[in-house]
mmCIF file of all heavy atoms, coordinates in Angstrom:
data_MODEL
# 
_entry.id   MODEL 
# 
loop_
_atom_site.group_PDB 
_atom_site.id 
_atom_site.type_symbol 
_atom_site.label_atom_id 
_atom_site.label_alt_id 
_atom_site.label_comp_id 
_atom_site.label_asym_id 
_atom_site.label_entity_id 
_atom_site.label_seq_id 
_atom_site.pdbx_PDB_ins_code 
_atom_site.Cartn_x 
_atom_site.Cartn_y 
_atom_site.Cartn_z 
_atom_site.occupancy 
_atom_site.B_iso_or_equiv 
_atom_site.pdbx_formal_charge 
_atom_site.auth_seq_id 
_atom_site.auth_comp_id 
_atom_site.auth_asym_id 
_atom_site.auth_atom_id 
_atom_site.pdbx_PDB_model_num 
ATOM 1   N N   . PHE A 1 1  ? -0.172  -8.991  -37.293 1.00 0.00 ? 1  PHE A N   1 
ATOM 2   C CA  . PHE A 1 1  ? -1.533  -8.793  -36.717 1.00 0.00 ? 1  PHE A CA  1 
ATOM 3   C C   . PHE A 1 1  ? -1.644  -7.340  -36.313 1.00 0.00 ? 1  PHE A C   1 
ATOM 4   O O   . PHE A 1 1  ? -0.705  -6.575  -36.136 1.00 0.00 ? 1  PHE A O   1 
ATOM 5   C CB  . PHE A 1 1  ? -1.808  -9.730  -35.542 1.00 0.00 ? 1  PHE A CB  1 
ATOM 6   C CG  . PHE A 1 1  ? -0.978  -9.451  -34.323 1.00 0.00 ? 1  PHE A CG  1 
ATOM 7   C CD1 . PHE A 1 1  ? -1.549  -8.898  -33.165 1.00 0.00 ? 1  PHE A CD1 1 
ATOM 8   C CD2 . PHE A 1 1  ? 0.392   -9.833  -34.282 1.00 0.00 ? 1  PHE A CD2 1 
ATOM 9   C CE1 . PHE A 1 1  ? -0.782  -8.693  -32.038 1.00 0.00 ? 1  PHE A CE1 1 
ATOM 10  C CE2 . PHE A 1 1  ? 1.166   -9.604  -33.155 1.00 0.00 ? 1  PHE A CE2 1 
ATOM 11  C CZ  . PHE A 1 1  ? 0.569   -9.038  -32.018 1.00 0.00 ? 1  PHE A CZ  1 
ATOM 12  N N   . THR A 1 2  ? -2.919  -6.908  -36.117 1.00 0.00 ? 2  THR A N   1 
ATOM 13  C CA  . THR A 1 2  ? -3.173  -5.538  -35.708 1.00 0.00 ? 2  THR A CA  1 
ATOM 14  C C   . THR A 1 2  ? -3.404  -5.482  -34.241 1.00 0.00 ? 2  THR A C   1 
ATOM 15  O O   . THR A 1 2  ? -4.140  -6.368  -33.630 1.00 0.00 ? 2  THR A O   1 
ATOM 16  C CB  . THR A 1 2  ? -4.350  -4.945  -36.473 1.00 0.00 ? 2  THR A CB  1 
ATOM 17  O OG1 . THR A 1 2  ? -4.635  -3.614  -35.977 1.00 0.00 ? 2  THR A OG1 1 
ATOM 18  C CG2 . THR A 1 2  ? -5.616  -5.778  -36.313 1.00 0.00 ? 2  THR A CG2 1 
ATOM 19  N N   . LEU A 1 3  ? -2.853  -4.493  -33.567 1.00 0.00 ? 3  LEU A N   1 
ATOM 20  C CA  . LEU A 1 3  ? -2.955  -4.384  -32.107 1.00 0.00 ? 3  LEU A CA  1 
ATOM 21  C C   . LEU A 1 3  ? -4.317  -3.791  -31.701 1.00 0.00 ? 3  LEU A C   1 
ATOM 22  O O   . LEU A 1 3  ? -4.566  -3.764  -30.482 1.00 0.00 ? 3  LEU A O   1 
ATOM 23  C CB  . LEU A 1 3  ? -1.846  -3.490  -31.564 1.00 0.00 ? 3  LEU A CB  1 
ATOM 24  C CG  . LEU A 1 3  ? -0.424  -4.130  -31.567 1.00 0.00 ? 3  LEU A CG  1 
ATOM 25  C CD1 . LEU A 1 3  ? 0.546   -3.158  -30.929 1.00 0.00 ? 3  LEU A CD1 1 
ATOM 26  C CD2 . LEU A 1 3  ? -0.443  -5.424  -30.752 1.00 0.00 ? 3  LEU A CD2 1 
ATOM 27  N N   . ASP A 1 4  ? -5.128  -3.332  -32.628 1.00 0.00 ? 4  ASP A N   1 
ATOM 28  C CA  . ASP A 1 4  ? -6.424  -2.727  -32.261 1.00 0.00 ? 4  ASP A CA  1 
ATOM 29  C C   . ASP A 1 4  ? -7.260  -3.590  -31.361 1.00 0.00 ? 4  ASP A C   1 
ATOM 30  O O   . ASP A 1 4  ? -8.003  -3.067  -30.539 1.00 0.00 ? 4  ASP A O   1 
ATOM 31  C CB  . ASP A 1 4  ? -7.224  -2.457  -33.555 1.00 0.00 ? 4  ASP A CB  1 
ATOM 32  C CG  . ASP A 1 4  ? -6.590  -1.456  -34.468 1.00 0.00 ? 4  ASP A CG  1 
ATOM 33  O OD1 . ASP A 1 4  ? -5.373  -1.424  -34.551 1.00 0.00 ? 4  ASP A OD1 1 
ATOM 34  O OD2 . ASP A 1 4  ? -7.386  -0.675  -35.013 1.00 0.00 ? 4  ASP A OD2 1 
ATOM 35  N N   . TYR A 1 5  ? -7.136  -4.933  -31.507 1.00 0.00 ? 5  TYR A N   1 
ATOM 36  C CA  . TYR A 1 5  ? -8.041  -5.851  -30.765 1.00 0.00 ? 5  TYR A CA  1 
ATOM 37  C C   . TYR A 1 5  ? -7.277  -6.488  -29.596 1.00 0.00 ? 5  TYR A C   1 
ATOM 38  O O   . TYR A 1 5  ? -7.788  -7.468  -29.056 1.00 0.00 ? 5  TYR A O   1 
ATOM 39  C CB  . TYR A 1 5  ? -8.558  -6.880  -31.684 1.00 0.00 ? 5  TYR A CB  1 
ATOM 40  C CG  . TYR A 1 5  ? -9.226  -6.259  -32.891 1.00 0.00 ? 5  TYR A CG  1 
ATOM 41  C CD1 . TYR A 1 5  ? -8.614  -6.318  -34.146 1.00 0.00 ? 5  TYR A CD1 1 
ATOM 42  C CD2 . TYR A 1 5  ? -10.442 -5.631  -32.802 1.00 0.00 ? 5  TYR A CD2 1 
ATOM 43  C CE1 . TYR A 1 5  ? -9.194  -5.773  -35.271 1.00 0.00 ? 5  TYR A CE1 1 
ATOM 44  C CE2 . TYR A 1 5  ? -11.029 -5.023  -33.900 1.00 0.00 ? 5  TYR A CE2 1 
ATOM 45  C CZ  . TYR A 1 5  ? -10.420 -5.132  -35.123 1.00 0.00 ? 5  TYR A CZ  1 
ATOM 46  O OH  . TYR A 1 5  ? -11.024 -4.526  -36.229 1.00 0.00 ? 5  TYR A OH  1 
ATOM 47  N N   . TYR A 1 6  ? -6.187  -5.870  -29.141 1.00 0.00 ? 6  TYR A N   1 
ATOM 48  C CA  . TYR A 1 6  ? -5.375  -6.518  -28.129 1.00 0.00 ? 6  TYR A CA  1 
ATOM 49  C C   . TYR A 1 6  ? -5.115  -5.545  -26.948 1.00 0.00 ? 6  TYR A C   1 
ATOM 50  O O   . TYR A 1 6  ? -4.757  -4.388  -27.171 1.00 0.00 ? 6  TYR A O   1 
ATOM 51  C CB  . TYR A 1 6  ? -4.032  -6.958  -28.654 1.00 0.00 ? 6  TYR A CB  1 
ATOM 52  C CG  . TYR A 1 6  ? -4.160  -8.157  -29.564 1.00 0.00 ? 6  TYR A CG  1 
ATOM 53  C CD1 . TYR A 1 6  ? -4.586  -8.040  -30.907 1.00 0.00 ? 6  TYR A CD1 1 
ATOM 54  C CD2 . TYR A 1 6  ? -3.852  -9.447  -29.115 1.00 0.00 ? 6  TYR A CD2 1 
ATOM 55  C CE1 . TYR A 1 6  ? -4.700  -9.109  -31.748 1.00 0.00 ? 6  TYR A CE1 1 
ATOM 56  C CE2 . TYR A 1 6  ? -3.995  -10.558 -29.914 1.00 0.00 ? 6  TYR A CE2 1 
ATOM 57  C CZ  . TYR A 1 6  ? -4.413  -10.350 -31.272 1.00 0.00 ? 6  TYR A CZ  1 
ATOM 58  O OH  . TYR A 1 6  ? -4.520  -11.473 -32.084 1.00 0.00 ? 6  TYR A OH  1 
ATOM 59  N N   . ALA A 1 7  ? -5.296  -6.089  -25.768 1.00 0.00 ? 7  ALA A N   1 
ATOM 60  C CA  . ALA A 1 7  ? -4.726  -5.385  -24.578 1.00 0.00 ? 7  ALA A CA  1 
ATOM 61  C C   . ALA A 1 7  ? -3.225  -5.646  -24.551 1.00 0.00 ? 7  ALA A C   1 
ATOM 62  O O   . ALA A 1 7  ? -2.754  -6.726  -24.939 1.00 0.00 ? 7  ALA A O   1 
ATOM 63  C CB  . ALA A 1 7  ? -5.371  -5.917  -23.327 1.00 0.00 ? 7  ALA A CB  1 
ATOM 64  N N   . ILE A 1 8  ? -2.441  -4.631  -24.100 1.00 0.00 ? 8  ILE A N   1 
ATOM 65  C CA  . ILE A 1 8  ? -1.017  -4.759  -24.138 1.00 0.00 ? 8  ILE A CA  1 
ATOM 66  C C   . ILE A 1 8  ? -0.486  -4.558  -22.716 1.00 0.00 ? 8  ILE A C   1 
ATOM 67  O O   . ILE A 1 8  ? -0.904  -3.661  -21.997 1.00 0.00 ? 8  ILE A O   1 
ATOM 68  C CB  . ILE A 1 8  ? -0.377  -3.732  -25.057 1.00 0.00 ? 8  ILE A CB  1 
ATOM 69  C CG1 . ILE A 1 8  ? -0.926  -3.837  -26.467 1.00 0.00 ? 8  ILE A CG1 1 
ATOM 70  C CG2 . ILE A 1 8  ? 1.150   -3.841  -25.067 1.00 0.00 ? 8  ILE A CG2 1 
ATOM 71  C CD1 . ILE A 1 8  ? -0.624  -5.167  -27.162 1.00 0.00 ? 8  ILE A CD1 1 
ATOM 72  N N   . GLY A 1 9  ? 0.516   -5.382  -22.382 1.00 0.00 ? 9  GLY A N   1 
ATOM 73  C CA  . GLY A 1 9  ? 1.132   -5.222  -21.091 1.00 0.00 ? 9  GLY A CA  1 
ATOM 74  C C   . GLY A 1 9  ? 2.643   -5.096  -21.243 1.00 0.00 ? 9  GLY A C   1 
ATOM 75  O O   . GLY A 1 9  ? 3.238   -5.618  -22.225 1.00 0.00 ? 9  GLY A O   1 
ATOM 76  N N   . TRP A 1 10 ? 3.262   -4.388  -20.357 1.00 0.00 ? 10 TRP A N   1 
ATOM 77  C CA  . TRP A 1 10 ? 4.710   -4.300  -20.240 1.00 0.00 ? 10 TRP A CA  1 
ATOM 78  C C   . TRP A 1 10 ? 5.141   -4.982  -18.972 1.00 0.00 ? 10 TRP A C   1 
ATOM 79  O O   . TRP A 1 10 ? 4.525   -4.750  -17.910 1.00 0.00 ? 10 TRP A O   1 
ATOM 80  C CB  . TRP A 1 10 ? 5.207   -2.859  -20.221 1.00 0.00 ? 10 TRP A CB  1 
ATOM 81  C CG  . TRP A 1 10 ? 5.230   -2.161  -21.492 1.00 0.00 ? 10 TRP A CG  1 
ATOM 82  C CD1 . TRP A 1 10 ? 4.309   -1.310  -22.059 1.00 0.00 ? 10 TRP A CD1 1 
ATOM 83  C CD2 . TRP A 1 10 ? 6.249   -2.287  -22.517 1.00 0.00 ? 10 TRP A CD2 1 
ATOM 84  N NE1 . TRP A 1 10 ? 4.692   -0.850  -23.286 1.00 0.00 ? 10 TRP A NE1 1 
ATOM 85  C CE2 . TRP A 1 10 ? 5.909   -1.446  -23.581 1.00 0.00 ? 10 TRP A CE2 1 
ATOM 86  C CE3 . TRP A 1 10 ? 7.490   -2.939  -22.598 1.00 0.00 ? 10 TRP A CE3 1 
ATOM 87  C CZ2 . TRP A 1 10 ? 6.709   -1.326  -24.730 1.00 0.00 ? 10 TRP A CZ2 1 
ATOM 88  C CZ3 . TRP A 1 10 ? 8.248   -2.857  -23.706 1.00 0.00 ? 10 TRP A CZ3 1 
ATOM 89  C CH2 . TRP A 1 10 ? 7.885   -1.993  -24.770 1.00 0.00 ? 10 TRP A CH2 1 
ATOM 90  N N   . PHE A 1 11 ? 6.152   -5.805  -19.065 1.00 0.00 ? 11 PHE A N   1 
ATOM 91  C CA  . PHE A 1 11 ? 6.681   -6.555  -17.896 1.00 0.00 ? 11 PHE A CA  1 
ATOM 92  C C   . PHE A 1 11 ? 8.196   -6.295  -17.886 1.00 0.00 ? 11 PHE A C   1 
ATOM 93  O O   . PHE A 1 11 ? 8.800   -5.872  -18.886 1.00 0.00 ? 11 PHE A O   1 
ATOM 94  C CB  . PHE A 1 11 ? 6.439   -8.040  -18.102 1.00 0.00 ? 11 PHE A CB  1 
ATOM 95  C CG  . PHE A 1 11 ? 4.976   -8.358  -17.966 1.00 0.00 ? 11 PHE A CG  1 
ATOM 96  C CD1 . PHE A 1 11 ? 4.133   -8.146  -19.062 1.00 0.00 ? 11 PHE A CD1 1 
ATOM 97  C CD2 . PHE A 1 11 ? 4.436   -8.903  -16.840 1.00 0.00 ? 11 PHE A CD2 1 
ATOM 98  C CE1 . PHE A 1 11 ? 2.734   -8.444  -18.999 1.00 0.00 ? 11 PHE A CE1 1 
ATOM 99  C CE2 . PHE A 1 11 ? 3.118   -9.206  -16.767 1.00 0.00 ? 11 PHE A CE2 1 
ATOM 100 C CZ  . PHE A 1 11 ? 2.281   -8.959  -17.801 1.00 0.00 ? 11 PHE A CZ  1 
ATOM 101 N N   . ARG A 1 12 ? 8.771   -6.626  -16.765 1.00 0.00 ? 12 ARG A N   1 
ATOM 102 C CA  . ARG A 1 12 ? 10.213  -6.599  -16.636 1.00 0.00 ? 12 ARG A CA  1 
ATOM 103 C C   . ARG A 1 12 ? 10.734  -7.680  -15.778 1.00 0.00 ? 12 ARG A C   1 
ATOM 104 O O   . ARG A 1 12 ? 10.002  -8.176  -14.891 1.00 0.00 ? 12 ARG A O   1 
ATOM 105 C CB  . ARG A 1 12 ? 10.711  -5.166  -16.135 1.00 0.00 ? 12 ARG A CB  1 
ATOM 106 C CG  . ARG A 1 12 ? 10.319  -4.885  -14.680 1.00 0.00 ? 12 ARG A CG  1 
ATOM 107 C CD  . ARG A 1 12 ? 10.713  -3.448  -14.357 1.00 0.00 ? 12 ARG A CD  1 
ATOM 108 N NE  . ARG A 1 12 ? 10.350  -3.159  -12.961 1.00 0.00 ? 12 ARG A NE  1 
ATOM 109 C CZ  . ARG A 1 12 ? 10.496  -1.904  -12.426 1.00 0.00 ? 12 ARG A CZ  1 
ATOM 110 N NH1 . ARG A 1 12 ? 10.934  -0.905  -13.211 1.00 0.00 ? 12 ARG A NH1 1 
ATOM 111 N NH2 . ARG A 1 12 ? 10.154  -1.724  -11.173 1.00 0.00 ? 12 ARG A NH2 1 
ATOM 112 N N   . GLN A 1 13 ? 11.962  -8.071  -16.041 1.00 0.00 ? 13 GLN A N   1 
ATOM 113 C CA  . GLN A 1 13 ? 12.580  -9.089  -15.234 1.00 0.00 ? 13 GLN A CA  1 
ATOM 114 C C   . GLN A 1 13 ? 14.020  -8.784  -15.028 1.00 0.00 ? 13 GLN A C   1 
ATOM 115 O O   . GLN A 1 13 ? 14.805  -8.685  -15.959 1.00 0.00 ? 13 GLN A O   1 
ATOM 116 C CB  . GLN A 1 13 ? 12.431  -10.470 -15.900 1.00 0.00 ? 13 GLN A CB  1 
ATOM 117 C CG  . GLN A 1 13 ? 12.850  -11.618 -14.995 1.00 0.00 ? 13 GLN A CG  1 
ATOM 118 C CD  . GLN A 1 13 ? 12.326  -12.953 -15.502 1.00 0.00 ? 13 GLN A CD  1 
ATOM 119 O OE1 . GLN A 1 13 ? 12.046  -13.137 -16.652 1.00 0.00 ? 13 GLN A OE1 1 
ATOM 120 N NE2 . GLN A 1 13 ? 12.264  -13.925 -14.540 1.00 0.00 ? 13 GLN A NE2 1 
ATOM 121 N N   . ALA A 1 14 ? 14.390  -8.670  -13.781 1.00 0.00 ? 14 ALA A N   1 
ATOM 122 C CA  . ALA A 1 14 ? 15.798  -8.411  -13.392 1.00 0.00 ? 14 ALA A CA  1 
ATOM 123 C C   . ALA A 1 14 ? 16.435  -9.690  -13.077 1.00 0.00 ? 14 ALA A C   1 
ATOM 124 O O   . ALA A 1 14 ? 15.724  -10.701 -12.682 1.00 0.00 ? 14 ALA A O   1 
ATOM 125 C CB  . ALA A 1 14 ? 15.832  -7.437  -12.224 1.00 0.00 ? 14 ALA A CB  1 
ATOM 126 N N   . PRO A 1 15 ? 17.777  -9.816  -13.132 1.00 0.00 ? 15 PRO A N   1 
ATOM 127 C CA  . PRO A 1 15 ? 18.427  -11.063 -12.827 1.00 0.00 ? 15 PRO A CA  1 
ATOM 128 C C   . PRO A 1 15 ? 18.122  -11.560 -11.410 1.00 0.00 ? 15 PRO A C   1 
ATOM 129 O O   . PRO A 1 15 ? 18.090  -10.789 -10.445 1.00 0.00 ? 15 PRO A O   1 
ATOM 130 C CB  . PRO A 1 15 ? 19.925  -10.709 -12.925 1.00 0.00 ? 15 PRO A CB  1 
ATOM 131 C CG  . PRO A 1 15 ? 19.941  -9.557  -13.866 1.00 0.00 ? 15 PRO A CG  1 
ATOM 132 C CD  . PRO A 1 15 ? 18.701  -8.793  -13.596 1.00 0.00 ? 15 PRO A CD  1 
ATOM 133 N N   . GLY A 1 16 ? 17.718  -12.801 -11.297 1.00 0.00 ? 16 GLY A N   1 
ATOM 134 C CA  . GLY A 1 16 ? 17.382  -13.389 -10.051 1.00 0.00 ? 16 GLY A CA  1 
ATOM 135 C C   . GLY A 1 16 ? 16.038  -13.030 -9.457  1.00 0.00 ? 16 GLY A C   1 
ATOM 136 O O   . GLY A 1 16 ? 15.708  -13.409 -8.327  1.00 0.00 ? 16 GLY A O   1 
ATOM 137 N N   . LYS A 1 17 ? 15.230  -12.246 -10.227 1.00 0.00 ? 17 LYS A N   1 
ATOM 138 C CA  . LYS A 1 17 ? 13.947  -11.859 -9.738  1.00 0.00 ? 17 LYS A CA  1 
ATOM 139 C C   . LYS A 1 17 ? 12.827  -12.387 -10.624 1.00 0.00 ? 17 LYS A C   1 
ATOM 140 O O   . LYS A 1 17 ? 13.040  -12.723 -11.796 1.00 0.00 ? 17 LYS A O   1 
ATOM 141 C CB  . LYS A 1 17 ? 13.874  -10.350 -9.622  1.00 0.00 ? 17 LYS A CB  1 
ATOM 142 C CG  . LYS A 1 17 ? 14.771  -9.721  -8.630  1.00 0.00 ? 17 LYS A CG  1 
ATOM 143 C CD  . LYS A 1 17 ? 14.535  -8.250  -8.464  1.00 0.00 ? 17 LYS A CD  1 
ATOM 144 C CE  . LYS A 1 17 ? 15.358  -7.663  -7.363  1.00 0.00 ? 17 LYS A CE  1 
ATOM 145 N NZ  . LYS A 1 17 ? 15.085  -6.188  -7.132  1.00 0.00 ? 17 LYS A NZ  1 
ATOM 146 N N   . GLU A 1 18 ? 11.633  -12.392 -10.082 1.00 0.00 ? 18 GLU A N   1 
ATOM 147 C CA  . GLU A 1 18 ? 10.480  -12.830 -10.869 1.00 0.00 ? 18 GLU A CA  1 
ATOM 148 C C   . GLU A 1 18 ? 10.065  -11.751 -11.850 1.00 0.00 ? 18 GLU A C   1 
ATOM 149 O O   . GLU A 1 18 ? 10.338  -10.564 -11.672 1.00 0.00 ? 18 GLU A O   1 
ATOM 150 C CB  . GLU A 1 18 ? 9.321   -13.152 -9.926  1.00 0.00 ? 18 GLU A CB  1 
ATOM 151 C CG  . GLU A 1 18 ? 9.522   -14.325 -9.068  1.00 0.00 ? 18 GLU A CG  1 
ATOM 152 C CD  . GLU A 1 18 ? 8.276   -14.732 -8.330  1.00 0.00 ? 18 GLU A CD  1 
ATOM 153 O OE1 . GLU A 1 18 ? 7.273   -14.051 -8.414  1.00 0.00 ? 18 GLU A OE1 1 
ATOM 154 O OE2 . GLU A 1 18 ? 8.346   -15.784 -7.637  1.00 0.00 ? 18 GLU A OE2 1 
ATOM 155 N N   . ARG A 1 19 ? 9.362   -12.216 -12.977 1.00 0.00 ? 19 ARG A N   1 
ATOM 156 C CA  . ARG A 1 19 ? 8.876   -11.236 -13.878 1.00 0.00 ? 19 ARG A CA  1 
ATOM 157 C C   . ARG A 1 19 ? 7.746   -10.397 -13.220 1.00 0.00 ? 19 ARG A C   1 
ATOM 158 O O   . ARG A 1 19 ? 6.916   -10.908 -12.546 1.00 0.00 ? 19 ARG A O   1 
ATOM 159 C CB  . ARG A 1 19 ? 8.312   -11.942 -15.110 1.00 0.00 ? 19 ARG A CB  1 
ATOM 160 C CG  . ARG A 1 19 ? 8.025   -11.046 -16.289 1.00 0.00 ? 19 ARG A CG  1 
ATOM 161 C CD  . ARG A 1 19 ? 7.733   -11.879 -17.512 1.00 0.00 ? 19 ARG A CD  1 
ATOM 162 N NE  . ARG A 1 19 ? 8.876   -12.643 -17.927 1.00 0.00 ? 19 ARG A NE  1 
ATOM 163 C CZ  . ARG A 1 19 ? 8.958   -13.303 -19.076 1.00 0.00 ? 19 ARG A CZ  1 
ATOM 164 N NH1 . ARG A 1 19 ? 7.959   -13.198 -20.007 1.00 0.00 ? 19 ARG A NH1 1 
ATOM 165 N NH2 . ARG A 1 19 ? 10.023  -14.009 -19.426 1.00 0.00 ? 19 ARG A NH2 1 
ATOM 166 N N   . GLU A 1 20 ? 7.842   -9.055  -13.466 1.00 0.00 ? 20 GLU A N   1 
ATOM 167 C CA  . GLU A 1 20 ? 6.933   -8.129  -12.782 1.00 0.00 ? 20 GLU A CA  1 
ATOM 168 C C   . GLU A 1 20 ? 6.096   -7.383  -13.791 1.00 0.00 ? 20 GLU A C   1 
ATOM 169 O O   . GLU A 1 20 ? 6.638   -6.931  -14.779 1.00 0.00 ? 20 GLU A O   1 
ATOM 170 C CB  . GLU A 1 20 ? 7.746   -7.103  -11.983 1.00 0.00 ? 20 GLU A CB  1 
ATOM 171 C CG  . GLU A 1 20 ? 6.977   -6.023  -11.364 1.00 0.00 ? 20 GLU A CG  1 
ATOM 172 C CD  . GLU A 1 20 ? 7.835   -4.902  -10.757 1.00 0.00 ? 20 GLU A CD  1 
ATOM 173 O OE1 . GLU A 1 20 ? 9.044   -4.818  -11.098 1.00 0.00 ? 20 GLU A OE1 1 
ATOM 174 O OE2 . GLU A 1 20 ? 7.286   -4.015  -10.061 1.00 0.00 ? 20 GLU A OE2 1 
ATOM 175 N N   . GLY A 1 21 ? 4.777   -7.353  -13.572 1.00 0.00 ? 21 GLY A N   1 
ATOM 176 C CA  . GLY A 1 21 ? 3.919   -6.571  -14.378 1.00 0.00 ? 21 GLY A CA  1 
ATOM 177 C C   . GLY A 1 21 ? 4.112   -5.055  -14.101 1.00 0.00 ? 21 GLY A C   1 
ATOM 178 O O   . GLY A 1 21 ? 3.918   -4.654  -12.954 1.00 0.00 ? 21 GLY A O   1 
ATOM 179 N N   . VAL A 1 22 ? 4.500   -4.325  -15.085 1.00 0.00 ? 22 VAL A N   1 
ATOM 180 C CA  . VAL A 1 22 ? 4.852   -2.904  -14.936 1.00 0.00 ? 22 VAL A CA  1 
ATOM 181 C C   . VAL A 1 22 ? 3.621   -1.994  -15.248 1.00 0.00 ? 22 VAL A C   1 
ATOM 182 O O   . VAL A 1 22 ? 3.268   -1.128  -14.483 1.00 0.00 ? 22 VAL A O   1 
ATOM 183 C CB  . VAL A 1 22 ? 6.010   -2.512  -15.812 1.00 0.00 ? 22 VAL A CB  1 
ATOM 184 C CG1 . VAL A 1 22 ? 6.293   -1.005  -15.767 1.00 0.00 ? 22 VAL A CG1 1 
ATOM 185 C CG2 . VAL A 1 22 ? 7.285   -3.294  -15.367 1.00 0.00 ? 22 VAL A CG2 1 
ATOM 186 N N   . SER A 1 23 ? 3.030   -2.287  -16.417 1.00 0.00 ? 23 SER A N   1 
ATOM 187 C CA  . SER A 1 23 ? 1.953   -1.432  -16.884 1.00 0.00 ? 23 SER A CA  1 
ATOM 188 C C   . SER A 1 23 ? 1.169   -2.174  -17.936 1.00 0.00 ? 23 SER A C   1 
ATOM 189 O O   . SER A 1 23 ? 1.653   -3.061  -18.611 1.00 0.00 ? 23 SER A O   1 
ATOM 190 C CB  . SER A 1 23 ? 2.521   -0.134  -17.450 1.00 0.00 ? 23 SER A CB  1 
ATOM 191 O OG  . SER A 1 23 ? 1.490   0.732   -17.879 1.00 0.00 ? 23 SER A OG  1 
ATOM 192 N N   . CYS A 1 24 ? -0.153  -1.781  -18.089 1.00 0.00 ? 24 CYS A N   1 
ATOM 193 C CA  . CYS A 1 24 ? -0.905  -2.379  -19.178 1.00 0.00 ? 24 CYS A CA  1 
ATOM 194 C C   . CYS A 1 24 ? -1.956  -1.380  -19.617 1.00 0.00 ? 24 CYS A C   1 
ATOM 195 O O   . CYS A 1 24 ? -2.292  -0.465  -18.873 1.00 0.00 ? 24 CYS A O   1 
ATOM 196 C CB  . CYS A 1 24 ? -1.488  -3.729  -18.846 1.00 0.00 ? 24 CYS A CB  1 
ATOM 197 S SG  . CYS A 1 24 ? -1.955  -4.015  -17.177 1.00 0.00 ? 24 CYS A SG  1 
ATOM 198 N N   . ILE A 1 25 ? -2.495  -1.618  -20.817 1.00 0.00 ? 25 ILE A N   1 
ATOM 199 C CA  . ILE A 1 25 ? -3.406  -0.672  -21.437 1.00 0.00 ? 25 ILE A CA  1 
ATOM 200 C C   . ILE A 1 25 ? -4.490  -1.372  -22.185 1.00 0.00 ? 25 ILE A C   1 
ATOM 201 O O   . ILE A 1 25 ? -4.225  -2.423  -22.765 1.00 0.00 ? 25 ILE A O   1 
ATOM 202 C CB  . ILE A 1 25 ? -2.605  0.300   -22.367 1.00 0.00 ? 25 ILE A CB  1 
ATOM 203 C CG1 . ILE A 1 25 ? -3.480  1.472   -22.822 1.00 0.00 ? 25 ILE A CG1 1 
ATOM 204 C CG2 . ILE A 1 25 ? -1.954  -0.419  -23.534 1.00 0.00 ? 25 ILE A CG2 1 
ATOM 205 C CD1 . ILE A 1 25 ? -2.702  2.610   -23.447 1.00 0.00 ? 25 ILE A CD1 1 
ATOM 206 N N   . SER A 1 26 ? -5.705  -0.834  -22.117 1.00 0.00 ? 26 SER A N   1 
ATOM 207 C CA  . SER A 1 26 ? -6.823  -1.480  -22.780 1.00 0.00 ? 26 SER A CA  1 
ATOM 208 C C   . SER A 1 26 ? -6.832  -1.202  -24.260 1.00 0.00 ? 26 SER A C   1 
ATOM 209 O O   . SER A 1 26 ? -6.029  -0.375  -24.747 1.00 0.00 ? 26 SER A O   1 
ATOM 210 C CB  . SER A 1 26 ? -8.142  -1.003  -22.133 1.00 0.00 ? 26 SER A CB  1 
ATOM 211 O OG  . SER A 1 26 ? -8.253  0.442   -22.346 1.00 0.00 ? 26 SER A OG  1 
ATOM 212 N N   . LEU A 1 27 ? -7.771  -1.855  -25.010 1.00 0.00 ? 27 LEU A N   1 
ATOM 213 C CA  . LEU A 1 27 ? -7.799  -1.744  -26.477 1.00 0.00 ? 27 LEU A CA  1 
ATOM 214 C C   . LEU A 1 27 ? -7.920  -0.261  -26.929 1.00 0.00 ? 27 LEU A C   1 
ATOM 215 O O   . LEU A 1 27 ? -7.275  0.130   -27.866 1.00 0.00 ? 27 LEU A O   1 
ATOM 216 C CB  . LEU A 1 27 ? -8.972  -2.524  -26.971 1.00 0.00 ? 27 LEU A CB  1 
ATOM 217 C CG  . LEU A 1 27 ? -8.799  -4.052  -27.159 1.00 0.00 ? 27 LEU A CG  1 
ATOM 218 C CD1 . LEU A 1 27 ? -8.646  -4.751  -25.744 1.00 0.00 ? 27 LEU A CD1 1 
ATOM 219 C CD2 . LEU A 1 27 ? -9.985  -4.642  -27.900 1.00 0.00 ? 27 LEU A CD2 1 
# 
């Protein structure tokens, strides 16, 4: 698929911790 029509997010998860939203970007 092409990313042109998608917002993208980066997340991270350390051991024993909840997934954290790090950064995101619009189309």
